Amino acid sequence: MDTHRRPGSPFQDPTPPILDMTPDGEFRDALPPPRGGFDRALGKVGGVALLLTLAAGGLLLVALAILFVGLLLPVAIGAGLVAFVSLWWRLRRLRRGGTPGAGPGSPPGAGAVRFVVLRR
């Protein structure tokens, strides 16, 4: 006859849990297992790896920002060039068309082109 076995389900943990209470009636947390040198080394290596990951992610974001600026810069220059040519052409047409007061000998600002913005 086995005297070591306890009655009950064979799937139950044979050692009961230890409940450690303070005199105030609160439960204490279990002590963490002691850390060895290998655990400390792994913690430091993990910290360095996390720092390197964050630095690489920051560099990646900077590289993407530079790439997008590089892609948008020609578009902005092209749009500015189109706007400049359009305004230049309109002013040239107005001057050729004989805008009153735009000829030589007229007072300055008499033939100035005025832009009107219509808001709806």
N, C-alpha and C. Protein backbone atom coordinates (compact mmCIF):
# COMPACT_ATOMS: atom_id res chain seq x y z
N MET A 1 0.83 -1.16 0.00
CA MET A 1 0.00 0.00 0.00
C MET A 1 0.89 1.24 0.00
N ASP A 2 0.49 2.23 -0.86
CA ASP A 2 1.28 3.47 -0.96
C ASP A 2 0.82 4.43 0.14
N THR A 3 1.76 4.86 0.95
CA THR A 3 1.43 5.84 1.99
C THR A 3 1.75 7.26 1.52
N HIS A 4 2.42 7.39 0.35
CA HIS A 4 2.81 8.72 -0.15
C HIS A 4 1.68 9.39 -0.92
N ARG A 5 0.78 8.64 -1.45
CA ARG A 5 -0.25 9.20 -2.32
C ARG A 5 -1.36 9.87 -1.51
N ARG A 6 -1.90 10.91 -2.09
CA ARG A 6 -3.02 11.60 -1.45
C ARG A 6 -4.29 11.19 -2.17
N PRO A 7 -5.37 11.19 -1.50
CA PRO A 7 -6.62 10.87 -2.18
C PRO A 7 -7.05 12.05 -3.05
N GLY A 8 -7.76 11.78 -4.09
CA GLY A 8 -8.26 12.81 -4.98
C GLY A 8 -7.87 12.52 -6.42
N SER A 9 -8.03 13.50 -7.27
CA SER A 9 -7.77 13.34 -8.68
C SER A 9 -6.27 13.19 -8.94
N PRO A 10 -5.88 12.28 -9.84
CA PRO A 10 -4.45 12.12 -10.12
C PRO A 10 -3.89 13.30 -10.92
N PHE A 11 -4.78 14.14 -11.49
CA PHE A 11 -4.30 15.28 -12.29
C PHE A 11 -4.09 16.54 -11.44
N GLN A 12 -4.37 16.45 -10.19
CA GLN A 12 -4.21 17.58 -9.29
C GLN A 12 -2.75 17.72 -8.88
N ASP A 13 -2.34 19.00 -8.67
CA ASP A 13 -0.97 19.23 -8.21
C ASP A 13 -0.84 18.66 -6.80
N PRO A 14 0.15 17.83 -6.55
CA PRO A 14 0.24 17.21 -5.23
C PRO A 14 0.63 18.19 -4.13
N THR A 15 1.27 19.32 -4.48
CA THR A 15 1.65 20.28 -3.44
C THR A 15 0.64 21.41 -3.41
N PRO A 16 0.08 21.70 -2.28
CA PRO A 16 -0.90 22.78 -2.21
C PRO A 16 -0.20 24.14 -2.34
N PRO A 17 -0.92 25.16 -2.80
CA PRO A 17 -0.30 26.48 -2.91
C PRO A 17 -0.04 27.08 -1.54
N ILE A 18 0.98 27.88 -1.46
CA ILE A 18 1.33 28.54 -0.20
C ILE A 18 0.79 29.96 -0.26
N LEU A 19 -0.05 30.32 0.68
CA LEU A 19 -0.61 31.66 0.76
C LEU A 19 0.08 32.39 1.90
N ASP A 20 0.84 33.39 1.55
CA ASP A 20 1.59 34.16 2.54
C ASP A 20 0.86 35.46 2.78
N MET A 21 0.44 35.70 4.03
CA MET A 21 -0.32 36.90 4.36
C MET A 21 0.44 37.75 5.35
N THR A 22 0.22 39.06 5.22
CA THR A 22 0.77 39.99 6.19
C THR A 22 -0.17 40.06 7.38
N PRO A 23 0.28 40.65 8.50
CA PRO A 23 -0.64 40.79 9.64
C PRO A 23 -1.85 41.67 9.34
N ASP A 24 -1.74 42.52 8.30
CA ASP A 24 -2.89 43.37 7.93
C ASP A 24 -3.94 42.60 7.15
N GLY A 25 -3.62 41.41 6.70
CA GLY A 25 -4.57 40.61 5.95
C GLY A 25 -4.38 40.69 4.44
N GLU A 26 -3.27 41.29 3.97
CA GLU A 26 -3.00 41.37 2.54
C GLU A 26 -2.05 40.23 2.14
N PHE A 27 -2.17 39.82 0.89
CA PHE A 27 -1.32 38.76 0.41
C PHE A 27 0.02 39.32 -0.06
N ARG A 28 1.06 38.60 0.20
CA ARG A 28 2.39 38.97 -0.29
C ARG A 28 2.62 38.29 -1.63
N ASP A 29 3.34 38.98 -2.49
CA ASP A 29 3.71 38.38 -3.77
C ASP A 29 4.84 37.38 -3.55
N ALA A 30 4.88 36.40 -4.41
CA ALA A 30 5.95 35.42 -4.32
C ALA A 30 7.27 36.08 -4.69
N LEU A 31 8.33 35.65 -4.06
CA LEU A 31 9.64 36.20 -4.37
C LEU A 31 10.06 35.76 -5.76
N PRO A 32 10.64 36.66 -6.53
CA PRO A 32 11.12 36.25 -7.84
C PRO A 32 12.31 35.32 -7.70
N PRO A 33 12.47 34.42 -8.66
CA PRO A 33 13.60 33.51 -8.57
C PRO A 33 14.91 34.30 -8.70
N PRO A 34 15.96 33.84 -8.05
CA PRO A 34 17.22 34.57 -8.13
C PRO A 34 17.74 34.61 -9.57
N ARG A 35 18.28 35.77 -9.95
CA ARG A 35 18.79 35.93 -11.30
C ARG A 35 20.26 35.58 -11.33
N GLY A 36 20.61 34.81 -12.33
CA GLY A 36 22.01 34.44 -12.49
C GLY A 36 22.72 35.40 -13.42
N GLY A 37 23.97 35.15 -13.66
CA GLY A 37 24.77 35.99 -14.54
C GLY A 37 24.30 35.94 -15.97
N PHE A 38 23.82 34.77 -16.39
CA PHE A 38 23.34 34.61 -17.76
C PHE A 38 22.10 35.46 -18.00
N ASP A 39 21.20 35.50 -17.01
CA ASP A 39 19.99 36.32 -17.13
C ASP A 39 20.34 37.80 -17.23
N ARG A 40 21.31 38.25 -16.42
CA ARG A 40 21.72 39.65 -16.48
C ARG A 40 22.34 39.98 -17.84
N ALA A 41 23.15 39.07 -18.36
CA ALA A 41 23.79 39.30 -19.66
C ALA A 41 22.74 39.35 -20.77
N LEU A 42 21.76 38.44 -20.70
CA LEU A 42 20.70 38.47 -21.70
C LEU A 42 19.87 39.75 -21.61
N GLY A 43 19.65 40.24 -20.42
CA GLY A 43 18.92 41.50 -20.25
C GLY A 43 19.66 42.67 -20.87
N LYS A 44 20.98 42.72 -20.69
CA LYS A 44 21.76 43.80 -21.27
C LYS A 44 21.80 43.69 -22.80
N VAL A 45 21.97 42.48 -23.30
CA VAL A 45 21.98 42.29 -24.75
C VAL A 45 20.62 42.67 -25.34
N GLY A 46 19.54 42.30 -24.66
CA GLY A 46 18.20 42.66 -25.13
C GLY A 46 17.98 44.16 -25.12
N GLY A 47 18.50 44.84 -24.10
CA GLY A 47 18.38 46.30 -24.04
C GLY A 47 19.13 46.97 -25.18
N VAL A 48 20.33 46.49 -25.47
CA VAL A 48 21.11 47.05 -26.58
C VAL A 48 20.40 46.77 -27.90
N ALA A 49 19.84 45.58 -28.05
CA ALA A 49 19.13 45.24 -29.28
C ALA A 49 17.89 46.14 -29.45
N LEU A 50 17.20 46.43 -28.38
CA LEU A 50 16.04 47.32 -28.45
C LEU A 50 16.46 48.73 -28.84
N LEU A 51 17.56 49.21 -28.28
CA LEU A 51 18.08 50.53 -28.64
C LEU A 51 18.47 50.59 -30.11
N LEU A 52 19.13 49.57 -30.60
CA LEU A 52 19.52 49.53 -32.01
C LEU A 52 18.29 49.48 -32.92
N THR A 53 17.27 48.75 -32.50
CA THR A 53 16.04 48.69 -33.28
C THR A 53 15.37 50.06 -33.37
N LEU A 54 15.31 50.77 -32.26
CA LEU A 54 14.71 52.10 -32.27
C LEU A 54 15.52 53.07 -33.13
N ALA A 55 16.84 52.98 -33.06
CA ALA A 55 17.69 53.86 -33.88
C ALA A 55 17.50 53.54 -35.36
N ALA A 56 17.45 52.27 -35.71
CA ALA A 56 17.26 51.89 -37.12
C ALA A 56 15.88 52.33 -37.61
N GLY A 57 14.87 52.24 -36.77
CA GLY A 57 13.53 52.70 -37.15
C GLY A 57 13.50 54.21 -37.37
N GLY A 58 14.20 54.96 -36.52
CA GLY A 58 14.28 56.40 -36.71
C GLY A 58 15.00 56.76 -38.00
N LEU A 59 16.09 56.07 -38.30
CA LEU A 59 16.80 56.32 -39.55
C LEU A 59 15.93 55.97 -40.76
N LEU A 60 15.15 54.92 -40.63
CA LEU A 60 14.24 54.54 -41.72
C LEU A 60 13.20 55.63 -41.97
N LEU A 61 12.65 56.19 -40.90
CA LEU A 61 11.67 57.27 -41.06
C LEU A 61 12.30 58.50 -41.70
N VAL A 62 13.54 58.82 -41.31
CA VAL A 62 14.23 59.96 -41.92
C VAL A 62 14.48 59.70 -43.39
N ALA A 63 14.89 58.48 -43.73
CA ALA A 63 15.15 58.14 -45.13
C ALA A 63 13.87 58.22 -45.96
N LEU A 64 12.75 57.77 -45.40
CA LEU A 64 11.48 57.86 -46.12
C LEU A 64 11.05 59.31 -46.32
N ALA A 65 11.28 60.15 -45.32
CA ALA A 65 10.94 61.57 -45.46
C ALA A 65 11.78 62.21 -46.56
N ILE A 66 13.06 61.90 -46.60
CA ILE A 66 13.93 62.46 -47.64
C ILE A 66 13.49 61.96 -49.02
N LEU A 67 13.10 60.70 -49.10
CA LEU A 67 12.64 60.14 -50.37
C LEU A 67 11.38 60.86 -50.85
N PHE A 68 10.42 61.09 -49.97
CA PHE A 68 9.19 61.76 -50.36
C PHE A 68 9.46 63.21 -50.76
N VAL A 69 10.35 63.88 -50.04
CA VAL A 69 10.71 65.25 -50.42
C VAL A 69 11.37 65.24 -51.79
N GLY A 70 12.23 64.25 -52.02
CA GLY A 70 12.89 64.14 -53.32
C GLY A 70 11.90 63.87 -54.45
N LEU A 71 10.84 63.15 -54.15
CA LEU A 71 9.82 62.89 -55.18
C LEU A 71 8.92 64.09 -55.41
N LEU A 72 8.63 64.85 -54.35
CA LEU A 72 7.71 65.97 -54.47
C LEU A 72 8.39 67.25 -54.94
N LEU A 73 9.70 67.35 -54.78
CA LEU A 73 10.40 68.57 -55.17
C LEU A 73 10.28 68.86 -56.66
N PRO A 74 10.49 67.90 -57.56
CA PRO A 74 10.31 68.20 -58.98
C PRO A 74 8.87 68.59 -59.32
N VAL A 75 7.91 68.01 -58.65
CA VAL A 75 6.51 68.36 -58.90
C VAL A 75 6.26 69.82 -58.48
N ALA A 76 6.78 70.21 -57.33
CA ALA A 76 6.61 71.59 -56.87
C ALA A 76 7.32 72.57 -57.80
N ILE A 77 8.52 72.23 -58.23
CA ILE A 77 9.25 73.10 -59.16
C ILE A 77 8.49 73.22 -60.47
N GLY A 78 7.98 72.11 -60.98
CA GLY A 78 7.21 72.13 -62.23
C GLY A 78 5.96 72.96 -62.11
N ALA A 79 5.23 72.83 -61.00
CA ALA A 79 4.01 73.61 -60.81
C ALA A 79 4.34 75.10 -60.71
N GLY A 80 5.41 75.44 -60.03
CA GLY A 80 5.83 76.84 -59.93
C GLY A 80 6.23 77.40 -61.29
N LEU A 81 6.91 76.59 -62.08
CA LEU A 81 7.32 77.02 -63.41
C LEU A 81 6.10 77.26 -64.31
N VAL A 82 5.11 76.37 -64.24
CA VAL A 82 3.89 76.54 -65.02
C VAL A 82 3.16 77.81 -64.60
N ALA A 83 3.08 78.06 -63.30
CA ALA A 83 2.41 79.27 -62.81
C ALA A 83 3.16 80.52 -63.27
N PHE A 84 4.49 80.48 -63.19
CA PHE A 84 5.28 81.63 -63.62
C PHE A 84 5.09 81.90 -65.11
N VAL A 85 5.15 80.87 -65.93
CA VAL A 85 4.99 81.05 -67.38
C VAL A 85 3.58 81.55 -67.69
N SER A 86 2.58 81.05 -67.00
CA SER A 86 1.21 81.50 -67.24
C SER A 86 1.06 82.98 -66.91
N LEU A 87 1.58 83.42 -65.78
CA LEU A 87 1.48 84.84 -65.42
C LEU A 87 2.30 85.70 -66.37
N TRP A 88 3.47 85.24 -66.73
CA TRP A 88 4.32 85.99 -67.66
C TRP A 88 3.63 86.16 -69.01
N TRP A 89 3.00 85.10 -69.48
CA TRP A 89 2.32 85.15 -70.77
C TRP A 89 1.13 86.11 -70.74
N ARG A 90 0.37 86.11 -69.67
CA ARG A 90 -0.77 87.01 -69.54
C ARG A 90 -0.31 88.47 -69.50
N LEU A 91 0.75 88.74 -68.73
CA LEU A 91 1.26 90.11 -68.68
C LEU A 91 1.78 90.55 -70.05
N ARG A 92 2.43 89.69 -70.76
CA ARG A 92 2.97 89.99 -72.09
C ARG A 92 1.82 90.30 -73.05
N ARG A 93 0.76 89.46 -73.00
CA ARG A 93 -0.40 89.70 -73.87
C ARG A 93 -1.07 91.02 -73.56
N LEU A 94 -1.20 91.34 -72.27
CA LEU A 94 -1.83 92.60 -71.89
C LEU A 94 -1.00 93.79 -72.35
N ARG A 95 0.31 93.70 -72.24
CA ARG A 95 1.17 94.80 -72.66
C ARG A 95 1.15 94.97 -74.18
N ARG A 96 1.09 93.86 -74.90
CA ARG A 96 1.03 93.93 -76.37
C ARG A 96 -0.33 94.46 -76.84
N GLY A 97 -1.36 94.13 -76.09
CA GLY A 97 -2.70 94.53 -76.49
C GLY A 97 -2.95 96.01 -76.31
N GLY A 98 -2.00 96.73 -75.78
CA GLY A 98 -2.15 98.16 -75.63
C GLY A 98 -2.97 98.56 -74.43
N THR A 99 -2.64 98.03 -73.31
CA THR A 99 -3.33 98.41 -72.08
C THR A 99 -3.13 99.90 -71.87
N PRO A 100 -4.22 100.65 -71.61
CA PRO A 100 -4.08 102.09 -71.48
C PRO A 100 -3.16 102.45 -70.33
N GLY A 101 -2.25 103.40 -70.63
CA GLY A 101 -1.35 103.86 -69.60
C GLY A 101 -0.12 103.01 -69.46
N ALA A 102 0.08 102.00 -70.32
CA ALA A 102 1.22 101.13 -70.18
C ALA A 102 2.37 101.54 -71.08
N GLY A 103 2.20 102.58 -71.87
CA GLY A 103 3.22 102.97 -72.82
C GLY A 103 4.31 103.80 -72.16
N PRO A 104 5.33 104.15 -72.97
CA PRO A 104 6.40 104.98 -72.42
C PRO A 104 5.89 106.40 -72.17
N GLY A 105 6.37 106.99 -71.13
CA GLY A 105 5.97 108.34 -70.78
C GLY A 105 4.74 108.40 -69.91
N SER A 106 4.11 107.29 -69.62
CA SER A 106 2.94 107.30 -68.75
C SER A 106 3.41 107.26 -67.30
N PRO A 107 2.57 107.72 -66.38
CA PRO A 107 2.99 107.71 -64.97
C PRO A 107 3.21 106.28 -64.47
N PRO A 108 4.14 106.09 -63.54
CA PRO A 108 4.40 104.73 -63.04
C PRO A 108 3.17 104.18 -62.31
N GLY A 109 2.89 102.92 -62.58
CA GLY A 109 1.76 102.25 -61.94
C GLY A 109 0.45 102.46 -62.67
N ALA A 110 0.47 103.25 -63.75
CA ALA A 110 -0.78 103.51 -64.48
C ALA A 110 -1.23 102.28 -65.24
N GLY A 111 -0.30 101.52 -65.75
CA GLY A 111 -0.67 100.35 -66.52
C GLY A 111 -0.48 99.06 -65.75
N ALA A 112 -0.47 99.16 -64.44
CA ALA A 112 -0.22 97.96 -63.62
C ALA A 112 -1.37 96.98 -63.78
N VAL A 113 -1.02 95.74 -63.79
CA VAL A 113 -2.03 94.69 -63.90
C VAL A 113 -2.51 94.36 -62.50
N ARG A 114 -3.82 94.35 -62.34
CA ARG A 114 -4.39 94.04 -61.03
C ARG A 114 -5.05 92.68 -61.10
N PHE A 115 -4.81 91.90 -60.07
CA PHE A 115 -5.42 90.59 -59.98
C PHE A 115 -6.62 90.67 -59.06
N VAL A 116 -7.70 90.07 -59.48
CA VAL A 116 -8.93 90.08 -58.71
C VAL A 116 -9.24 88.64 -58.32
N VAL A 117 -9.53 88.43 -57.04
CA VAL A 117 -9.89 87.09 -56.56
C VAL A 117 -11.38 87.10 -56.28
N LEU A 118 -12.11 86.22 -56.95
CA LEU A 118 -13.54 86.10 -56.74
C LEU A 118 -13.82 84.98 -55.77
N ARG A 119 -14.57 85.28 -54.75
CA ARG A 119 -14.93 84.24 -53.78
C ARG A 119 -16.39 83.92 -53.94
N ARG A 120 -16.71 82.67 -53.86
CA ARG A 120 -18.10 82.24 -53.99
C ARG A 120 -18.62 81.76 -52.66
